[in-house]
Amino acid sequence: MLPMGGLSLLDAPSQPFHNPAADAVLFDTLDACSW
């Protein structure tokens, strides 16, 4: 389960660390890992 709305309150839309591109890279990397 991944938090698609942001990883923290600071990462929510209109907040200082909102970066959908960086989130996408993180989620793609996690998805590519074979757990």
N, C-alpha and C. Protein backbone atom coordinates (compact mmCIF):
# COMPACT_ATOMS: atom_id res chain seq x y z
N MET A 1 0.85 -1.16 0.00
CA MET A 1 0.00 0.00 0.00
C MET A 1 0.90 1.24 0.00
N LEU A 2 0.69 2.12 -0.95
CA LEU A 2 1.49 3.34 -1.05
C LEU A 2 0.61 4.57 -0.91
N PRO A 3 1.07 5.58 -0.18
CA PRO A 3 0.30 6.80 0.01
C PRO A 3 0.38 7.71 -1.22
N MET A 4 -0.56 7.60 -2.12
CA MET A 4 -0.49 8.34 -3.38
C MET A 4 -0.76 9.84 -3.22
N GLY A 5 -1.28 10.26 -2.06
CA GLY A 5 -1.55 11.67 -1.84
C GLY A 5 -0.38 12.42 -1.23
N GLY A 6 0.74 11.73 -1.05
CA GLY A 6 1.91 12.35 -0.43
C GLY A 6 2.43 11.48 0.69
N LEU A 7 3.68 11.66 1.02
CA LEU A 7 4.31 10.83 2.04
C LEU A 7 4.21 11.43 3.43
N SER A 8 3.92 12.70 3.51
CA SER A 8 3.76 13.37 4.80
C SER A 8 2.92 14.63 4.57
N LEU A 9 2.62 15.35 5.63
CA LEU A 9 1.86 16.59 5.48
C LEU A 9 2.64 17.62 4.68
N LEU A 10 3.97 17.59 4.76
CA LEU A 10 4.79 18.54 4.01
C LEU A 10 4.85 18.19 2.53
N ASP A 11 4.47 16.96 2.18
CA ASP A 11 4.51 16.49 0.79
C ASP A 11 3.14 16.56 0.12
N ALA A 12 2.15 17.04 0.83
CA ALA A 12 0.80 17.14 0.28
C ALA A 12 0.75 18.27 -0.76
N PRO A 13 -0.20 18.21 -1.68
CA PRO A 13 -0.32 19.28 -2.68
C PRO A 13 -0.36 20.67 -2.02
N SER A 14 0.33 21.60 -2.64
CA SER A 14 0.47 23.00 -2.22
C SER A 14 1.37 23.18 -1.00
N GLN A 15 2.08 22.14 -0.59
CA GLN A 15 3.02 22.23 0.53
C GLN A 15 4.45 22.29 0.00
N PRO A 16 5.41 22.69 0.84
CA PRO A 16 6.77 22.97 0.36
C PRO A 16 7.49 21.79 -0.30
N PHE A 17 7.23 20.57 0.12
CA PHE A 17 7.96 19.43 -0.43
C PHE A 17 7.13 18.60 -1.40
N HIS A 18 6.05 19.16 -1.91
CA HIS A 18 5.22 18.45 -2.89
C HIS A 18 6.01 18.30 -4.18
N ASN A 19 6.28 17.04 -4.56
CA ASN A 19 7.08 16.77 -5.76
C ASN A 19 6.59 15.46 -6.37
N PRO A 20 5.52 15.51 -7.18
CA PRO A 20 4.96 14.29 -7.75
C PRO A 20 5.97 13.49 -8.58
N ALA A 21 6.90 14.15 -9.25
CA ALA A 21 7.89 13.43 -10.04
C ALA A 21 8.81 12.60 -9.14
N ALA A 22 9.24 13.17 -8.03
CA ALA A 22 10.09 12.44 -7.10
C ALA A 22 9.32 11.29 -6.47
N ASP A 23 8.06 11.51 -6.14
CA ASP A 23 7.23 10.43 -5.59
C ASP A 23 7.10 9.30 -6.60
N ALA A 24 6.91 9.64 -7.87
CA ALA A 24 6.77 8.62 -8.91
C ALA A 24 8.04 7.79 -9.03
N VAL A 25 9.20 8.43 -8.96
CA VAL A 25 10.47 7.69 -9.02
C VAL A 25 10.57 6.74 -7.83
N LEU A 26 10.26 7.23 -6.65
CA LEU A 26 10.30 6.38 -5.45
C LEU A 26 9.36 5.19 -5.61
N PHE A 27 8.10 5.45 -6.00
CA PHE A 27 7.12 4.37 -6.11
C PHE A 27 7.51 3.39 -7.21
N ASP A 28 8.04 3.88 -8.33
CA ASP A 28 8.48 2.98 -9.40
C ASP A 28 9.65 2.11 -8.94
N THR A 29 10.56 2.71 -8.19
CA THR A 29 11.70 1.95 -7.66
C THR A 29 11.24 0.87 -6.70
N LEU A 30 10.34 1.23 -5.80
CA LEU A 30 9.81 0.25 -4.86
C LEU A 30 9.06 -0.87 -5.59
N ASP A 31 8.32 -0.49 -6.63
CA ASP A 31 7.56 -1.46 -7.40
C ASP A 31 8.48 -2.42 -8.13
N ALA A 32 9.65 -1.95 -8.56
CA ALA A 32 10.59 -2.78 -9.30
C ALA A 32 11.35 -3.76 -8.40
N CYS A 33 11.38 -3.50 -7.11
CA CYS A 33 12.08 -4.40 -6.17
C CYS A 33 11.29 -5.68 -6.02
N SER A 34 11.99 -6.78 -5.98
CA SER A 34 11.31 -8.05 -5.73
C SER A 34 11.43 -8.37 -4.24
N TRP A 35 10.38 -8.15 -3.53
CA TRP A 35 10.37 -8.35 -2.09
C TRP A 35 10.12 -9.78 -1.82
